[in-house]
Protein backbone atom coordinates (compact mmCIF):
# COMPACT_ATOMS: atom_id res chain seq x y z
CA UNK A 1 116.53 79.02 134.42
CA UNK A 2 120.17 78.01 134.16
CA UNK A 3 121.53 75.50 136.65
CA UNK A 4 124.25 77.91 137.75
CA UNK A 5 121.62 80.42 138.91
CA UNK A 6 120.39 77.88 141.43
CA UNK A 7 123.80 76.61 142.52
CA UNK A 8 125.29 80.11 142.79
CA UNK A 9 122.48 81.06 145.15
CA UNK A 10 122.97 77.96 147.29
CA UNK A 11 126.70 78.68 147.46
CA UNK A 12 126.06 82.28 148.49
CA UNK A 13 124.34 80.87 151.59
CA UNK A 14 126.70 77.93 152.16
CA UNK A 15 130.00 78.68 150.37
CA UNK A 16 131.93 75.67 149.10
CA UNK A 17 134.98 77.07 150.92
CA UNK A 18 133.28 76.10 154.20
CA UNK A 19 133.18 72.36 153.41
CA UNK A 20 135.57 69.95 155.12
CA UNK A 21 138.72 68.77 153.32
CA UNK A 22 137.33 65.26 152.80
CA UNK A 23 134.06 66.49 151.32
CA UNK A 24 132.92 66.78 147.70
CA UNK A 25 130.12 69.32 147.75
CA UNK A 26 129.15 71.20 144.60
CA UNK A 27 128.15 70.22 141.08
CA UNK A 28 129.08 66.56 140.58
CA UNK A 29 127.24 65.78 137.33
CA UNK A 30 126.01 68.26 134.73
CA UNK A 31 126.92 71.55 133.08
CA UNK A 32 126.36 74.89 134.87
CA UNK A 33 124.57 76.29 131.80
CA UNK A 34 122.05 73.45 131.69
CA UNK A 35 118.42 74.61 131.47
CA UNK A 36 116.33 73.44 134.43
CA UNK A 37 112.70 73.87 135.44
CA UNK A 38 112.34 71.28 138.21
CA UNK A 39 114.62 70.05 140.99
CA UNK A 40 114.35 66.99 143.22
CA UNK A 41 115.73 67.22 146.76
CA UNK A 42 116.97 64.23 148.78
CA UNK A 43 119.28 63.39 151.64
CA UNK A 44 121.20 60.85 149.54
CA UNK A 45 121.47 60.28 145.81
CA UNK A 46 120.69 56.62 145.10
CA UNK A 47 119.47 54.76 142.03
CA UNK A 48 115.93 54.95 143.39
CA UNK A 49 116.26 58.73 143.76
CA UNK A 50 117.44 59.04 140.15
CA UNK A 51 114.42 56.95 139.10
CA UNK A 52 112.23 59.32 141.11
CA UNK A 53 113.78 62.30 139.30
CA UNK A 54 113.12 60.64 135.94
CA UNK A 55 109.50 59.94 136.87
CA UNK A 56 108.97 63.53 138.05
CA UNK A 57 110.80 65.02 135.04
CA UNK A 58 113.36 66.79 137.24
CA UNK A 59 116.53 67.99 135.55
CA UNK A 60 118.64 68.21 138.72
CA UNK A 61 118.94 66.31 141.99
CA UNK A 62 120.09 68.30 145.00
CA UNK A 63 121.25 65.98 147.76
CA UNK A 64 122.85 66.63 151.12
CA UNK A 65 125.36 63.79 150.85
CA UNK A 66 127.60 63.69 147.75
CA UNK A 67 127.27 60.50 145.72
CA UNK A 68 131.00 60.73 144.95
CA UNK A 69 133.38 61.24 147.86
CA UNK A 70 136.54 59.89 146.25
CA UNK A 71 137.70 59.99 142.66
CA UNK A 72 136.17 57.35 140.39
CA UNK A 73 138.79 55.31 138.54
CA UNK A 74 136.27 53.30 136.55
CA UNK A 75 132.70 53.77 135.39
CA UNK A 76 131.39 50.34 134.52
CA UNK A 77 128.37 49.95 136.80
CA UNK A 78 129.90 47.55 139.33
CA UNK A 79 129.03 49.72 142.35
CA UNK A 80 125.92 51.68 143.25
CA UNK A 81 127.94 54.91 142.96
CA UNK A 82 128.92 54.10 139.37
CA UNK A 83 125.37 53.07 138.50
CA UNK A 84 123.94 56.30 139.89
CA UNK A 85 126.38 58.40 137.86
CA UNK A 86 125.74 56.38 134.70
CA UNK A 87 121.96 56.62 135.04
CA UNK A 88 122.06 60.35 135.73
CA UNK A 89 124.25 61.03 132.69
CA UNK A 90 122.14 58.82 130.40
CA UNK A 91 119.01 60.68 131.45
CA UNK A 92 120.60 64.14 131.34
CA UNK A 93 120.07 64.73 135.06
CA UNK A 94 122.50 66.95 136.97
CA UNK A 95 123.57 66.07 140.51
CA UNK A 96 124.51 68.69 143.08
CA UNK A 97 125.54 68.17 146.72
CA UNK A 98 125.40 70.65 149.60
CA UNK A 99 126.96 68.78 152.50
CA UNK A 100 129.42 69.97 155.16
CA UNK A 101 129.19 73.54 153.89
CA UNK A 102 125.49 73.47 154.87
CA UNK A 103 126.48 71.82 158.15
CA UNK A 104 128.89 74.67 158.87
CA UNK A 105 126.64 77.71 158.54
CA UNK A 106 124.57 79.10 161.40
CA UNK A 107 121.32 78.77 159.43
CA UNK A 108 122.04 75.22 158.28
CA UNK A 109 121.60 71.60 159.34
CA UNK A 110 122.26 72.02 163.05
CA UNK A 111 119.98 75.04 163.32
CA UNK A 112 117.17 72.90 161.91
CA UNK A 113 117.83 70.21 164.56
CA UNK A 114 117.74 72.86 167.29
CA UNK A 115 114.50 74.26 165.92
CA UNK A 116 112.94 70.78 165.84
CA UNK A 117 113.95 70.09 169.44
CA UNK A 118 112.97 73.51 170.80
CA UNK A 119 116.55 74.58 171.55
CA UNK A 120 117.05 78.36 171.58
CA UNK A 121 119.85 80.91 172.15
CA UNK A 122 121.96 78.82 169.80
CA UNK A 123 125.58 79.32 168.83
CA UNK A 124 128.17 77.36 166.87
CA UNK A 125 129.77 74.70 169.07
CA UNK A 126 133.20 74.65 167.37
CA UNK A 127 133.75 77.79 165.25
CA UNK A 128 136.12 77.48 162.31
CA UNK A 129 139.57 79.07 162.27
CA UNK A 130 141.48 80.48 159.34
CA UNK A 131 138.61 81.53 157.09
CA UNK A 132 138.71 85.23 157.96
CA UNK A 133 141.02 87.76 156.33
CA UNK A 134 141.69 91.45 156.84
CA UNK A 135 141.78 94.13 154.17
CA UNK A 136 143.73 97.34 154.73
CA UNK A 137 143.49 100.12 152.15
CA UNK A 138 144.33 103.81 151.91
CA UNK A 139 141.74 106.24 150.52
CA UNK A 140 141.57 110.02 150.03
CA UNK A 141 139.58 111.50 152.89
CA UNK A 142 136.67 112.66 150.72
CA UNK A 143 136.21 109.16 149.25
CA UNK A 144 136.47 107.10 152.45
CA UNK A 145 132.70 106.89 153.05
CA UNK A 146 132.04 105.75 149.48
CA UNK A 147 134.73 103.05 149.56
CA UNK A 148 133.65 101.79 152.99
CA UNK A 149 130.04 101.51 151.83
CA UNK A 150 131.09 99.49 148.77
CA UNK A 151 133.18 97.11 150.88
CA UNK A 152 130.33 96.59 153.34
CA UNK A 153 127.85 95.98 150.51
CA UNK A 154 130.21 93.29 149.16
CA UNK A 155 130.22 91.46 152.50
CA UNK A 156 133.10 92.96 154.47
CA UNK A 157 132.86 94.19 158.04
CA UNK A 158 130.69 91.46 159.56
CA UNK A 159 131.70 90.45 163.11
CA UNK A 160 129.14 88.19 164.78
CA UNK A 161 125.81 90.04 164.87
CA UNK A 162 127.49 93.36 164.07
CA UNK A 163 127.81 94.67 160.52
CA UNK A 164 129.74 97.52 158.84
CA UNK A 165 132.68 97.09 161.23
CA UNK A 166 135.92 98.89 160.38
CA UNK A 167 138.76 100.81 161.99
CA UNK A 168 139.88 104.08 160.45
CA UNK A 169 142.92 106.28 161.01
CA UNK A 170 143.95 109.43 159.20
CA UNK A 171 147.44 110.16 157.97
CA UNK A 172 149.48 111.46 155.05
CA UNK A 173 150.13 109.28 152.02
CA UNK A 174 152.98 110.08 149.67
CA UNK A 175 153.52 109.08 146.03
CA UNK A 176 155.15 110.34 142.86
CA UNK A 177 153.44 109.63 139.55
CA UNK A 178 155.63 108.23 136.76
CA UNK A 179 155.69 109.23 133.10
CA UNK A 180 153.15 106.62 131.96
CA UNK A 181 150.51 107.42 134.57
CA UNK A 182 147.28 109.39 134.77
CA UNK A 183 147.20 110.45 138.44
CA UNK A 184 143.85 111.21 140.06
CA UNK A 185 145.58 113.67 142.39
CA UNK A 186 148.87 115.53 141.87
CA UNK A 187 151.16 115.85 138.87
CA UNK A 188 153.62 113.58 137.10
CA UNK A 189 157.13 113.67 138.49
CA UNK A 190 156.23 115.62 141.62
CA UNK A 191 155.94 114.02 145.05
CA UNK A 192 152.38 114.33 146.35
CA UNK A 193 151.45 114.51 150.03
CA UNK A 194 147.79 113.55 150.36
CA UNK A 195 145.58 113.33 153.47
CA UNK A 196 144.22 109.76 153.45
CA UNK A 197 142.15 107.42 155.60
CA UNK A 198 143.53 103.98 156.40
CA UNK A 199 140.52 101.62 156.37
CA UNK A 200 140.81 98.22 158.07
CA UNK A 201 138.02 95.65 157.85
CA UNK A 202 137.58 91.87 158.02
CA UNK A 203 135.85 89.56 155.54
CA UNK A 204 135.35 85.84 154.87
CA UNK A 205 138.04 84.57 152.51
CA UNK A 206 135.34 83.12 150.24
CA UNK A 207 134.25 86.69 149.40
CA UNK A 208 137.72 87.99 148.51
CA UNK A 209 137.12 88.36 144.75
CA UNK A 210 133.86 90.24 145.35
CA UNK A 211 135.49 92.47 147.97
CA UNK A 212 138.40 93.39 145.70
CA UNK A 213 136.10 94.14 142.76
CA UNK A 214 134.17 96.54 145.00
CA UNK A 215 137.41 98.17 146.17
CA UNK A 216 138.76 98.70 142.65
CA UNK A 217 135.42 99.97 141.34
CA UNK A 218 135.00 102.66 144.00
CA UNK A 219 138.58 103.66 144.83
CA UNK A 220 139.53 106.78 142.84
CA UNK A 221 143.24 106.04 142.46
CA UNK A 222 144.73 104.60 139.29
CA UNK A 223 146.87 102.31 141.46
CA UNK A 224 145.06 101.13 144.59
CA UNK A 225 147.24 100.53 147.64
CA UNK A 226 145.92 97.67 149.75
CA UNK A 227 147.12 94.80 151.96
CA UNK A 228 145.51 91.41 152.63
CA UNK A 229 146.22 89.52 155.85
CA UNK A 230 145.17 85.97 156.81
CA UNK A 231 143.68 85.74 160.31
CA UNK A 232 143.61 82.84 162.75
CA UNK A 233 140.58 84.21 164.61
CA UNK A 234 137.54 82.03 165.08
CA UNK A 235 134.60 82.84 162.81
CA UNK A 236 131.69 82.63 165.30
CA UNK A 237 128.94 82.05 162.72
CA UNK A 238 130.66 79.23 160.81
CA UNK A 239 131.76 75.88 162.19
CA UNK A 240 130.72 72.49 163.49
CA UNK A 241 127.81 71.60 165.73
CA UNK A 242 125.57 73.89 167.72
CA UNK A 243 124.69 74.41 171.37
CA UNK A 244 121.76 76.12 173.04
CA UNK A 245 119.21 76.02 175.82
CA UNK A 246 115.82 74.43 176.38
CA UNK A 247 113.04 76.78 177.42
CA UNK A 248 112.49 74.70 180.56
CA UNK A 249 114.64 71.98 182.16
CA UNK A 250 113.60 68.38 181.53
CA UNK A 251 114.49 65.08 183.09
CA UNK A 252 117.01 63.08 181.07
CA UNK A 253 114.56 60.31 180.25
CA UNK A 254 111.81 62.74 179.24
CA UNK A 255 114.27 64.58 177.02
CA UNK A 256 115.39 61.37 175.30
CA UNK A 257 111.76 60.36 174.74
CA UNK A 258 111.08 63.77 173.22
CA UNK A 259 114.11 63.48 170.94
CA UNK A 260 113.06 60.00 169.80
CA UNK A 261 109.58 61.27 168.94
CA UNK A 262 110.49 64.56 167.25
CA UNK A 263 113.43 63.11 165.31
CA UNK A 264 111.53 59.97 164.27
CA UNK A 265 114.35 57.85 165.64
CA UNK A 266 113.99 54.08 165.43
CA UNK A 267 116.23 53.79 168.49
CA UNK A 268 118.54 55.92 170.61
CA UNK A 269 121.85 54.65 171.92
CA UNK A 270 122.80 56.61 175.00
CA UNK A 271 125.29 56.62 177.86
CA UNK A 272 124.55 56.29 181.56
CA UNK A 273 122.01 58.81 182.83
CA UNK A 274 123.37 61.20 185.45
CA UNK A 275 120.09 61.85 187.28
CA UNK A 276 120.37 65.56 186.46
CA UNK A 277 118.01 67.83 184.59
CA UNK A 278 118.66 68.71 180.97
CA UNK A 279 118.89 72.40 180.12
CA UNK A 280 121.89 72.93 177.82
CA UNK A 281 122.00 70.74 174.71
CA UNK A 282 124.67 70.28 172.04
CA UNK A 283 123.78 68.87 168.63
CA UNK A 284 125.60 67.80 165.49
CA UNK A 285 123.93 66.38 162.40
CA UNK A 286 125.64 63.25 161.11
CA UNK A 287 128.88 61.92 162.59
CA UNK A 288 129.61 64.12 165.58
CA UNK A 289 131.90 62.15 167.89
CA UNK A 290 134.79 64.51 167.07
CA UNK A 291 132.89 67.25 168.93
CA UNK A 292 132.48 65.41 172.24
CA UNK A 293 135.20 67.43 174.01
CA UNK A 294 133.67 70.65 172.71
CA UNK A 295 130.25 69.64 174.01
CA UNK A 296 131.69 68.77 177.42
CA UNK A 297 133.72 71.98 177.52
CA UNK A 298 130.63 74.04 176.68
CA UNK A 299 128.75 72.54 179.63
CA UNK A 300 126.20 70.54 177.64
CA UNK A 301 123.96 68.19 179.61
CA UNK A 302 123.24 66.05 176.53
CA UNK A 303 124.96 65.74 173.16
CA UNK A 304 122.58 64.70 170.36
CA UNK A 305 124.37 63.32 167.31
CA UNK A 306 125.15 60.05 165.51
CA UNK A 307 127.74 57.42 164.58
CA UNK A 308 129.52 57.02 167.92
CA UNK A 309 131.70 53.91 168.05
CA UNK A 310 131.56 51.56 171.04
CA UNK A 311 134.75 52.76 172.76
CA UNK A 312 133.90 56.41 172.13
CA UNK A 313 130.90 56.15 174.45
CA UNK A 314 133.32 55.68 177.38
CA UNK A 315 134.75 59.14 176.68
CA UNK A 316 131.61 60.79 178.03
CA UNK A 317 132.89 59.84 181.53
CA UNK A 318 129.47 60.80 182.94
CA UNK A 319 130.20 64.48 182.21
CA UNK A 320 127.18 64.50 179.89
CA UNK A 321 124.81 62.08 178.22
CA UNK A 322 125.57 61.06 174.64
CA UNK A 323 122.39 60.47 172.62
CA UNK A 324 123.20 58.70 169.35
CA UNK A 325 120.00 58.89 167.29
CA UNK A 326 121.33 57.62 163.95
CA UNK A 327 122.90 59.37 160.98
CA UNK A 328 119.82 59.52 158.76
CA UNK A 329 117.59 60.49 161.67
CA UNK A 330 119.83 63.40 162.67
CA UNK A 331 119.86 64.85 159.15
CA UNK A 332 116.50 63.85 157.70
CA UNK A 333 114.97 67.34 158.00
CA UNK A 334 117.84 68.79 155.96
CA UNK A 335 115.80 67.89 152.86
CA UNK A 336 112.97 70.14 154.01
CA UNK A 337 115.46 72.90 154.82
CA UNK A 338 116.90 72.80 151.28
CA UNK A 339 113.42 72.90 149.75
CA UNK A 340 112.49 75.93 151.88
CA UNK A 341 115.72 77.74 150.97
CA UNK A 342 115.10 77.30 147.25
CA UNK A 343 111.38 78.18 147.38
CA UNK A 344 112.07 81.37 149.31
CA UNK A 345 114.35 82.66 146.54
CA UNK A 346 112.84 81.11 143.41
CA UNK A 347 109.10 81.33 143.99
CA UNK A 348 108.16 80.22 140.47
CA UNK A 349 110.62 77.32 140.27
CA UNK A 350 109.35 73.79 140.89
CA UNK A 351 111.29 72.08 143.68
CA UNK A 352 110.09 68.73 144.95
CA UNK A 353 110.97 66.49 147.87
CA UNK A 354 111.76 62.90 146.96
CA UNK A 355 109.38 60.22 148.13
CA UNK A 356 112.29 57.77 148.47
CA UNK A 357 113.46 56.95 152.00
CA UNK A 358 117.21 56.52 151.54
CA UNK A 359 118.00 55.33 155.07
CA UNK A 360 119.99 52.10 154.59
CA UNK A 361 119.47 51.09 158.25
CA UNK A 362 116.37 49.22 159.43
CA UNK A 363 115.25 48.56 163.01
CA UNK A 364 113.67 45.44 164.49
CA UNK A 365 111.29 46.75 167.13
């Protein structure tokens, strides 16, 4: 199949619009129309991973972390980033990254951590703001159901676990068709008073083009009247981190031992134990120190994440236990998640998990 068939599907589940400003998710090397029949999945894209792709005859590498975060000014092989890009290009291997956009969705990286640790009743810890918009349009009464259905099918009207959400009011629309028009209702040069339904519905900004295409396709008017409004509301199913509950309370030490075992952690750095049971747990794959206040505010007993700096551990102030399990360790099962996502959609496409352990950190035990 074409590379863009695979990447378009991944982006339908984790839109690039959801990635953080600093990120560089998406197609980094390769052409969207490239023919592919095998993909290699990894957490990082290193020279060893490219070698693995060559050996396995894979035409694309899908990694969680982008190999390029900042713009490359030179490409002469002096750094590992430059060497990876050079080797991929020379061997006609595409590179695609699905990073903080996969972190942000409710079925992404943090959901996999929660599943691994037996955390249920999960919700996003810090929902994103500013990614929702509202569409308002005016439709003849007899066409309102058809237009609403098209908007819903395109992705509008989703609020949390509720779908097909809209608000509708009836009124009278007025218009006068000009000389160069072909009015659906009324006559040229005569003011028309038409019973209409005002339809209001919300949608993720990333779906705007699809939503508008659906509106224009199903609305009967030659000129469609509509308004688009940006919203500052939180989007409850998109954001950073996740929080949920254990089935049964555990002691802090037992919980940390369980985390170390299930997450294959070489070591856990943690703050002072509070001698309280653990029931509510917050998680964040990768660098999660920016969510500490959110975890405390949500009443978490433990915050499982990575990359806390020395002085940041003090900020726990014994309000919870920070459990820093390591960056690679917190995200290692993301590879398996990506493989499962692809296999579920493309059952006849060969997707393989790299045999290369890309963790740059070693532990002396």
